[in-house]
Every structure is written in structure tokens, then in C-alpha cells.
Amino acid sequence: MKEDKLYMLRKLTVMFTCMVVFVTVGLVVVSFQTKSVTINYYGERITVNTMSNTVEGMLMQNGIPIDEKAIIYPNVETILKDNMEIRIYSEDEVAMLDISEYRASATVGTTEKIIEEIQYIDYEKVEKSNANLYRGTKNTLQKGESGQKMVVYTAKYDANNNLISTNIISETIQKEPVDQVIEVGTKIVPTSRYSAARITAKDLEVDAGFKKYDIKLSLNLQKFAYNMCKKYNVPYLVFLGLMKVESNYRVEAKSKTGYGMCQINPSNLAYLKKKIGTTDLFDPYQNIHAGVYWLSRYYKSWKGSASGEELDLHAVNSYNWGEGRYRKYLKAEKGRDAYSWYYGKRVLKYAKLIEKNGGL
């Protein structure tokens, strides 16, 4: 019985000794990791104990306010050592914040969370020249795709759950972005490739009513357009204004809905080929012929119900939107006239400027 008691006493003594040693070692470790650092904040010195490894971590942990003009020495990436002094100053005159008040407001009731967030990475747009495509033509060779990355950061909130600060811990790329690749045409459209085969001297003979204007259209193309407008009873100046609005007289112009100077919809090519022999909408002469012919159809359609400038507006608006859609617009607006329609007003504005100034 006595031996049992002695055994228990020895066992308790050993356990107690181990606990004392464990606590002592723990305190020594904590004491070893904790560093005493002096902060010289614009001449005001305060001493703090910190377990942070860097100057930046210590400043964030203690909520030290840093003005954008402040100089920190040594820099924020410096490894902290015990009894180190961190100096914060500025060469400019700044109003020093009260550290004690700032730290009190920043730390009381604050919480800190570790957040994992997936963020998107924008893709790059890469353009490649293609000498086999006409200038103004663009084709998407490869569709761009955004990448993804996992961002882990700490977020500090005040007592009212307002975000105070964030600090990125790590960024891991989960999916690399894919570049968008676009081929851009650089080939220049020759302005005479059609005339050699089909344009004759007679097509370019003009009467006394012709006047050359200072616009981005060659003399021969102006003569041809003038003759086409006479042939189809289309006002020449209105047609010049229409080309200005549609393409700024660019032979190689291309959009989602039209090609060339008159922006003829390629879906109409088969019809135009049957009616007037159009085969190439990027040929300037064919494009002008097709544009005048197409516009003349709307002049004929509106001639019985309008005249003068109103007729011009109805015709060019129908050219832009399609006659059926344009008539629905007028009906829906309960008779509201075409003078309020932006496209037609622009066309006629340029027509009048060309006439008044002799060009644009």
C-alpha cells in the first residue's frame, strides 16, 4: 500500500515538472519571437512589441497611418530585429496624425478575415497584317478568352463591418488568358481594275452641268457618279452626301452590313448582278453604279407622295433602313415627318455644304 502511494507521488512529481518545463519553453519561444521596436513618427517616439517579421507587417499590425508623401526608413521590406528603430518622416510639411487616436479608432472592434476570391484576367488583342486582304477588312482568327486566378488576401473590417484594408497573400493562375487574334488587311484596292474592262470614254463624258468638287473622290469617279445620277434620275449632290455619310468616300470600307463607298449589303449582290451586272462591290465604279441604282428605287417609290427636300429625306432614309422599316417608323410616329430622322438630315447637310463651299 505504501509503495502504491510512493509510486503515485513520484508520477505526479514528474508530470508537474514536465508542465513547468513546457510552459517555460513556450514563454522563452514567445519571448524569442516577440521584438521590441521603436517607431519615430515625425519626431514622436513610441515603442511597440510585435511578432511581425517585416517593417510593413509591423506597421499594418499596429495601424500606423502613413501619408502618401511619407518616407519610411528602413524600407517596408526590411526584416525586423529586436530594438530596431523605424523612422517615418517627410521632406514636405504635412499634418501629423495623432497615432494614439488613429490606432484606437483602427483597432477597437476590428476583425480580420482570410478571403479566397477568383478574379478574371483580361485577354490581349493581337493584330496580324494580311497582304491578301483589302485595307479596312478585319477577320477574327482566334476568339479571346479571359483567364482566371485565385487570389488569397486578408481583409480587415472595423466595428461597423466597413473594410479598412486588404493585403494580398498569394495569387495562383488557374487558367491562362487566350489572346484574341485579328487579321487586318493591308492590300490597297486599285481604282482602275474595273474601268479597263467596262468603263468607256463615253461613261466619263459630262455635260455643262457637271462641276468638280473638292472631295475625297477622283475626277473620273465624280464624272461617272454624275452620269449615273443623270441616268437614274437621282440628285447628284444628295448622292455625294450619301457616300460621305456611308464611307467618307473610302473604296475599301467594310462593315457588318455593307461594302464599299455606298455600303451595299452583300446579300443584294445576286439581285444587282441580275439587274445591272454587278460582280464586285469593292470596285469603285460598280459600287457607285449599284448605289445610284439602289437609291433610285426609293425615289421612284416616294415620288407620288412627296417632293423636294421631303422626297430626298424619305429616299435616303429608306436607303439606310429599308423602305418597309422606315414606313413603319412613320406610321408608328403618327405622321411625324422625316425631317426628324438623323441619317437623312446628315446626308442633306453634307449635300448643301458641298454645293455651298465647293467641297468638304
Protein backbone atom coordinates (compact mmCIF):
# COMPACT_ATOMS: atom_id res chain seq x y z
CA MET A 1 0.00 0.00 0.00
CA LYS A 2 2.83 2.39 0.87
CA GLU A 3 4.61 1.50 -2.38
CA ASP A 4 1.50 2.46 -4.35
CA LYS A 5 1.34 5.83 -2.66
CA LEU A 6 5.03 6.45 -3.34
CA TYR A 7 4.55 5.47 -6.98
CA MET A 8 1.67 7.92 -7.39
CA LEU A 9 3.64 10.68 -5.67
CA ARG A 10 6.63 10.16 -7.99
CA LYS A 11 4.32 10.14 -11.02
CA LEU A 12 2.65 13.41 -10.04
CA THR A 13 6.06 15.00 -9.40
CA VAL A 14 7.28 14.03 -12.87
CA MET A 15 4.09 15.34 -14.52
CA PHE A 16 4.31 18.66 -12.67
CA THR A 17 7.99 19.04 -13.65
CA CYS A 18 7.14 18.40 -17.30
CA MET A 19 4.38 21.02 -17.23
CA VAL A 20 6.73 23.61 -15.72
CA VAL A 21 9.35 22.89 -18.37
CA PHE A 22 6.74 23.07 -21.20
CA VAL A 23 5.38 26.42 -20.03
CA THR A 24 8.87 27.81 -19.54
CA VAL A 25 9.97 26.74 -23.01
CA GLY A 26 6.78 28.22 -24.51
CA LEU A 27 7.41 31.53 -22.79
CA VAL A 28 11.01 31.50 -23.98
CA VAL A 29 9.87 30.85 -27.58
CA VAL A 30 7.26 33.61 -27.46
CA SER A 31 9.76 35.92 -25.87
CA PHE A 32 12.28 35.00 -28.57
CA GLN A 33 9.81 35.72 -31.41
CA THR A 34 8.47 38.97 -29.97
CA LYS A 35 10.57 42.02 -30.90
CA SER A 36 10.59 45.43 -29.30
CA VAL A 37 10.61 48.14 -31.97
CA THR A 38 10.76 51.91 -31.63
CA ILE A 39 8.77 53.95 -34.14
CA ASN A 40 10.00 57.51 -34.73
CA TYR A 41 6.84 59.03 -36.23
CA TYR A 42 7.64 62.61 -37.32
CA GLY A 43 9.77 63.05 -34.20
CA GLU A 44 7.35 61.34 -31.80
CA ARG A 45 8.73 58.06 -30.49
CA ILE A 46 6.63 55.11 -29.41
CA THR A 47 7.75 51.57 -28.57
CA VAL A 48 5.70 48.54 -29.60
CA ASN A 49 6.11 44.78 -29.26
CA THR A 50 5.49 42.86 -32.42
CA MET A 51 5.73 39.34 -33.80
CA SER A 52 5.79 40.59 -37.39
CA ASN A 53 8.86 39.78 -39.45
CA THR A 54 8.89 42.89 -41.64
CA VAL A 55 8.51 46.64 -41.26
CA GLU A 56 5.38 46.56 -43.42
CA GLY A 57 3.75 43.87 -41.28
CA MET A 58 4.53 45.74 -38.07
CA LEU A 59 3.02 48.99 -39.40
CA MET A 60 -0.16 47.20 -40.54
CA GLN A 61 -0.44 45.27 -37.25
CA ASN A 62 -0.22 48.46 -35.22
CA GLY A 63 -2.39 50.59 -37.50
CA ILE A 64 0.24 53.24 -38.15
CA PRO A 65 -1.16 55.86 -40.57
CA ILE A 66 1.18 56.56 -43.50
CA ASP A 67 0.78 59.70 -45.62
CA GLU A 68 1.42 59.23 -49.36
CA LYS A 69 4.42 61.58 -49.10
CA ALA A 70 5.90 59.78 -46.09
CA ILE A 71 9.42 58.32 -46.21
CA ILE A 72 9.95 55.08 -44.25
CA TYR A 73 13.49 54.12 -43.18
CA PRO A 74 14.46 51.36 -43.36
CA ASN A 75 12.04 50.43 -46.18
CA VAL A 76 8.92 48.31 -45.67
CA GLU A 77 10.57 45.09 -46.88
CA THR A 78 13.29 45.21 -44.22
CA ILE A 79 13.43 42.25 -41.78
CA LEU A 80 12.74 43.40 -38.23
CA LYS A 81 15.28 42.98 -35.46
CA ASP A 82 14.86 43.48 -31.73
CA ASN A 83 15.42 47.08 -30.56
CA MET A 84 15.29 48.40 -34.13
CA GLU A 85 14.15 51.97 -34.74
CA ILE A 86 11.81 52.70 -37.66
CA ARG A 87 11.80 56.31 -38.79
CA ILE A 88 8.80 57.84 -40.58
CA TYR A 89 9.21 61.36 -41.90
CA SER A 90 8.62 63.62 -44.91
CA GLU A 91 10.51 66.38 -46.65
CA ASP A 92 7.22 68.21 -47.19
CA GLU A 93 5.21 69.89 -44.47
CA VAL A 94 2.39 67.54 -43.54
CA ALA A 95 -0.10 67.47 -40.74
CA MET A 96 0.99 64.63 -38.45
CA LEU A 97 -1.86 62.39 -37.41
CA ASP A 98 -2.30 61.54 -33.77
CA ILE A 99 -1.04 57.96 -33.59
CA SER A 100 -2.84 57.05 -30.38
CA GLU A 101 -6.20 58.29 -31.67
CA TYR A 102 -5.72 56.63 -35.06
CA ARG A 103 -4.70 53.30 -33.55
CA ALA A 104 -7.57 53.40 -31.10
CA SER A 105 -10.11 54.02 -33.85
CA ALA A 106 -8.49 51.49 -36.15
CA THR A 107 -8.11 48.61 -33.73
CA VAL A 108 -11.11 48.73 -31.40
CA GLY A 109 -13.63 46.18 -32.56
CA THR A 110 -11.72 45.28 -35.73
CA THR A 111 -11.89 41.84 -37.30
CA GLU A 112 -9.67 40.26 -39.90
CA LYS A 113 -10.66 37.56 -42.40
CA ILE A 114 -8.79 35.49 -44.93
CA ILE A 115 -10.65 35.58 -48.24
CA GLU A 116 -10.23 33.41 -51.33
CA GLU A 117 -11.52 35.03 -54.50
CA ILE A 118 -11.49 34.07 -58.17
CA GLN A 119 -10.61 37.04 -60.38
CA TYR A 120 -10.62 37.31 -64.17
CA ILE A 121 -7.55 38.17 -66.23
CA ASP A 122 -8.20 40.29 -69.34
CA TYR A 123 -7.02 38.88 -72.65
CA GLU A 124 -4.82 40.77 -75.09
CA LYS A 125 -5.88 41.82 -78.59
CA VAL A 126 -3.28 40.94 -81.20
CA GLU A 127 -3.50 42.20 -84.80
CA LYS A 128 -1.71 40.49 -87.68
CA SER A 129 -1.31 42.08 -91.10
CA ASN A 130 -2.55 40.18 -94.15
CA ALA A 131 -1.39 41.50 -97.51
CA ASN A 132 -4.00 39.36 -99.30
CA LEU A 133 -6.93 41.18 -97.69
CA TYR A 134 -8.04 44.64 -98.77
CA ARG A 135 -7.39 47.51 -96.41
CA GLY A 136 -10.26 48.06 -93.99
CA THR A 137 -11.04 44.33 -93.81
CA LYS A 138 -10.71 42.59 -90.44
CA ASN A 139 -11.29 38.93 -89.61
CA THR A 140 -11.14 37.29 -86.19
CA LEU A 141 -8.79 34.31 -86.37
CA GLN A 142 -8.95 33.40 -82.70
CA LYS A 143 -11.53 34.37 -80.15
CA GLY A 144 -10.16 35.90 -76.96
CA GLU A 145 -10.87 34.24 -73.62
CA SER A 146 -10.36 35.69 -70.15
CA GLY A 147 -8.11 33.84 -67.73
CA GLN A 148 -8.72 33.15 -64.06
CA LYS A 149 -6.63 33.40 -60.93
CA MET A 150 -7.22 32.53 -57.30
CA VAL A 151 -6.35 35.47 -55.06
CA VAL A 152 -5.96 34.92 -51.32
CA TYR A 153 -5.87 38.04 -49.17
CA THR A 154 -6.59 39.32 -45.70
CA ALA A 155 -9.36 41.86 -45.21
CA LYS A 156 -9.63 44.00 -42.08
CA TYR A 157 -13.03 45.41 -41.02
CA ASP A 158 -13.97 47.93 -38.35
CA ALA A 159 -16.67 47.51 -35.71
CA ASN A 160 -19.30 48.59 -38.27
CA ASN A 161 -18.09 45.96 -40.76
CA ASN A 162 -16.57 48.59 -43.04
CA LEU A 163 -13.50 47.43 -44.94
CA ILE A 164 -10.35 49.13 -43.62
CA SER A 165 -7.57 47.47 -45.57
CA THR A 166 -6.59 44.43 -47.61
CA ASN A 167 -3.29 42.64 -48.03
CA ILE A 168 -2.67 40.06 -50.79
CA ILE A 169 -1.16 36.82 -49.53
CA SER A 170 -0.92 34.87 -52.79
CA GLU A 171 -2.08 34.77 -56.41
CA THR A 172 -2.37 31.46 -58.28
CA ILE A 173 -3.10 31.32 -62.02
CA GLN A 174 -5.82 28.74 -62.65
CA LYS A 175 -6.37 29.45 -66.34
CA GLU A 176 -4.14 31.45 -68.65
CA PRO A 177 -5.93 34.05 -70.84
CA VAL A 178 -6.17 33.36 -74.58
CA ASP A 179 -5.23 36.22 -76.91
CA GLN A 180 -7.75 37.49 -79.43
CA VAL A 181 -6.08 37.32 -82.83
CA ILE A 182 -7.37 39.54 -85.63
CA GLU A 183 -6.03 39.68 -89.17
CA VAL A 184 -6.05 43.15 -90.72
CA GLY A 185 -5.99 43.67 -94.48
CA THR A 186 -3.27 45.90 -95.91
CA LYS A 187 -3.89 45.44 -99.64
CA ILE A 188 -4.77 48.66 -101.43
CA VAL A 189 -7.79 48.49 -103.73
CA PRO A 190 -6.86 49.61 -107.26
CA THR A 191 -9.29 52.24 -108.55
CA SER A 192 -8.99 51.23 -112.19
CA ARG A 193 -9.35 47.44 -112.17
CA TYR A 194 -12.95 47.67 -113.45
CA SER A 195 -12.66 50.62 -115.85
CA ALA A 196 -10.24 48.85 -118.20
CA ALA A 197 -12.85 46.19 -118.92
CA ARG A 198 -16.16 48.04 -118.88
CA ILE A 199 -15.76 51.79 -118.45
CA THR A 200 -15.53 53.66 -121.72
CA ALA A 201 -14.70 57.24 -122.60
CA LYS A 202 -18.39 57.87 -123.10
CA ASP A 203 -19.10 56.91 -119.47
CA LEU A 204 -16.84 59.77 -118.42
CA GLU A 205 -18.12 62.39 -120.86
CA VAL A 206 -20.08 65.03 -118.92
CA ASP A 207 -22.26 67.96 -119.95
CA ALA A 208 -22.03 71.60 -118.95
CA GLY A 209 -23.94 70.91 -115.72
CA PHE A 210 -21.06 68.93 -114.21
CA LYS A 211 -18.89 70.58 -111.57
CA LYS A 212 -15.83 69.08 -109.94
CA TYR A 213 -15.95 69.25 -106.14
CA ASP A 214 -13.12 69.20 -103.64
CA ILE A 215 -13.99 65.87 -102.02
CA LYS A 216 -12.15 62.57 -101.48
CA LEU A 217 -13.25 61.27 -104.87
CA SER A 218 -11.18 61.28 -108.05
CA LEU A 219 -12.28 63.35 -111.06
CA ASN A 220 -13.16 60.25 -113.10
CA LEU A 221 -15.24 58.80 -110.25
CA GLN A 222 -17.06 62.13 -109.86
CA LYS A 223 -17.80 62.19 -113.60
CA PHE A 224 -19.02 58.59 -113.50
CA ALA A 225 -21.23 59.24 -110.46
CA TYR A 226 -22.66 62.36 -112.13
CA ASN A 227 -23.60 60.39 -115.27
CA MET A 228 -25.10 57.53 -113.23
CA CYS A 229 -27.24 60.00 -111.27
CA LYS A 230 -28.49 61.55 -114.53
CA LYS A 231 -29.25 58.12 -115.94
CA TYR A 232 -31.35 57.05 -112.91
CA ASN A 233 -32.82 60.49 -112.04
CA VAL A 234 -31.06 60.77 -108.67
CA PRO A 235 -29.95 64.20 -107.36
CA TYR A 236 -26.15 64.24 -107.75
CA LEU A 237 -25.38 66.33 -104.65
CA VAL A 238 -27.64 64.16 -102.48
CA PHE A 239 -25.76 61.09 -103.70
CA LEU A 240 -22.39 62.71 -102.87
CA GLY A 241 -23.73 63.47 -99.36
CA LEU A 242 -24.87 59.86 -99.01
CA MET A 243 -21.40 58.50 -99.87
CA LYS A 244 -19.86 60.92 -97.35
CA VAL A 245 -22.10 59.58 -94.56
CA GLU A 246 -21.78 55.92 -95.58
CA SER A 247 -18.00 55.66 -96.00
CA ASN A 248 -16.32 59.07 -96.28
CA TYR A 249 -15.62 58.03 -99.91
CA ARG A 250 -13.43 55.08 -98.89
CA VAL A 251 -13.28 52.45 -101.63
CA GLU A 252 -12.20 49.71 -99.21
CA ALA A 253 -14.78 50.49 -96.50
CA LYS A 254 -16.34 47.40 -94.94
CA SER A 255 -18.85 46.95 -92.13
CA LYS A 256 -21.13 44.21 -90.86
CA THR A 257 -23.83 45.27 -93.29
CA GLY A 258 -22.13 46.83 -96.30
CA TYR A 259 -19.16 47.06 -98.66
CA GLY A 260 -17.51 49.94 -100.47
CA MET A 261 -18.26 53.66 -100.76
CA CYS A 262 -22.05 53.16 -100.84
CA GLN A 263 -22.01 50.34 -98.24
CA ILE A 264 -24.00 47.92 -100.41
CA ASN A 265 -25.24 44.92 -98.44
CA PRO A 266 -23.57 41.79 -99.91
CA SER A 267 -26.89 39.92 -99.58
CA ASN A 268 -28.12 42.06 -102.51
CA LEU A 269 -25.23 41.15 -104.81
CA ALA A 270 -27.12 38.39 -106.68
CA TYR A 271 -30.03 40.76 -107.35
CA LEU A 272 -27.70 43.55 -108.52
CA LYS A 273 -25.78 41.16 -110.76
CA LYS A 274 -29.02 40.18 -112.47
CA LYS A 275 -30.25 43.77 -112.84
CA ILE A 276 -27.10 45.78 -113.67
CA GLY A 277 -24.27 43.23 -113.89
CA THR A 278 -22.58 43.93 -110.53
CA THR A 279 -19.88 41.37 -109.68
CA ASP A 280 -17.52 43.17 -107.27
CA LEU A 281 -18.77 45.54 -104.58
CA PHE A 282 -15.21 46.72 -103.80
CA ASP A 283 -14.77 48.01 -107.33
CA PRO A 284 -15.47 51.77 -107.06
CA TYR A 285 -17.30 52.06 -110.40
CA GLN A 286 -19.51 49.05 -109.76
CA ASN A 287 -20.18 50.23 -106.22
CA ILE A 288 -21.23 53.71 -107.40
CA HIS A 289 -23.44 52.19 -110.10
CA ALA A 290 -25.08 49.88 -107.54
CA GLY A 291 -25.53 52.71 -105.01
CA VAL A 292 -27.20 55.07 -107.50
CA TYR A 293 -29.42 52.28 -108.83
CA TRP A 294 -30.50 51.23 -105.33
CA LEU A 295 -31.24 54.81 -104.26
CA SER A 296 -33.27 55.43 -107.47
CA ARG A 297 -35.70 52.69 -106.46
CA TYR A 298 -36.69 54.68 -103.37
CA TYR A 299 -37.04 57.94 -105.29
CA LYS A 300 -39.50 56.19 -107.60
CA SER A 301 -41.39 54.69 -104.65
CA TRP A 302 -41.84 58.04 -102.82
CA LYS A 303 -42.28 60.31 -105.84
CA GLY A 304 -46.08 60.10 -105.80
CA SER A 305 -46.41 61.19 -102.15
CA ALA A 306 -43.57 63.66 -101.61
CA SER A 307 -41.45 66.22 -103.41
CA GLY A 308 -38.44 68.48 -102.93
CA GLU A 309 -36.43 68.07 -99.74
CA GLU A 310 -39.10 65.83 -98.21
CA LEU A 311 -38.68 63.41 -101.14
CA ASP A 312 -34.90 63.46 -100.67
CA LEU A 313 -35.24 62.64 -96.96
CA HIS A 314 -37.72 59.81 -97.50
CA ALA A 315 -35.50 58.29 -100.21
CA VAL A 316 -32.20 58.37 -98.27
CA ASN A 317 -33.84 57.22 -95.04
CA SER A 318 -35.33 54.27 -96.92
CA TYR A 319 -31.86 53.55 -98.34
CA ASN A 320 -30.44 53.44 -94.82
CA TRP A 321 -33.16 51.47 -93.01
CA GLY A 322 -35.05 49.73 -95.78
CA GLU A 323 -38.31 51.13 -97.05
CA GLY A 324 -40.61 48.78 -95.13
CA ARG A 325 -38.98 49.51 -91.80
CA TYR A 326 -38.91 53.24 -92.49
CA ARG A 327 -42.61 53.37 -93.38
CA LYS A 328 -43.44 51.52 -90.16
CA TYR A 329 -41.49 54.17 -88.28
CA LEU A 330 -43.52 56.96 -89.86
CA LYS A 331 -46.77 55.14 -89.15
CA ALA A 332 -45.82 54.42 -85.53
CA GLU A 333 -44.97 58.08 -85.04
CA LYS A 334 -48.47 59.02 -86.29
CA GLY A 335 -47.40 61.01 -89.30
CA ARG A 336 -44.24 62.52 -87.86
CA ASP A 337 -42.26 63.71 -90.91
CA ALA A 338 -38.81 62.54 -91.97
CA TYR A 339 -37.13 65.83 -91.02
CA SER A 340 -36.54 64.45 -87.52
CA TRP A 341 -34.68 61.40 -88.81
CA TYR A 342 -30.97 61.83 -88.09
CA TYR A 343 -29.49 59.93 -91.05
CA GLY A 344 -31.39 61.86 -93.72
CA LYS A 345 -30.57 65.20 -92.11
CA ARG A 346 -26.85 64.38 -92.17
CA VAL A 347 -26.93 63.41 -95.84
CA LEU A 348 -28.66 66.63 -96.84
CA LYS A 349 -26.38 68.70 -94.61
CA TYR A 350 -23.31 67.42 -96.47
CA ALA A 351 -25.02 67.88 -99.84
CA LYS A 352 -25.65 71.55 -99.03
CA LEU A 353 -22.10 72.07 -97.71
CA ILE A 354 -20.59 70.60 -100.88
CA GLU A 355 -22.72 72.88 -103.02
CA LYS A 356 -22.04 75.98 -100.93
CA ASN A 357 -18.29 75.52 -100.38
CA GLY A 358 -17.38 73.60 -103.48
CA GLY A 359 -16.33 70.63 -101.37
CA LEU A 360 -15.75 69.42 -97.84
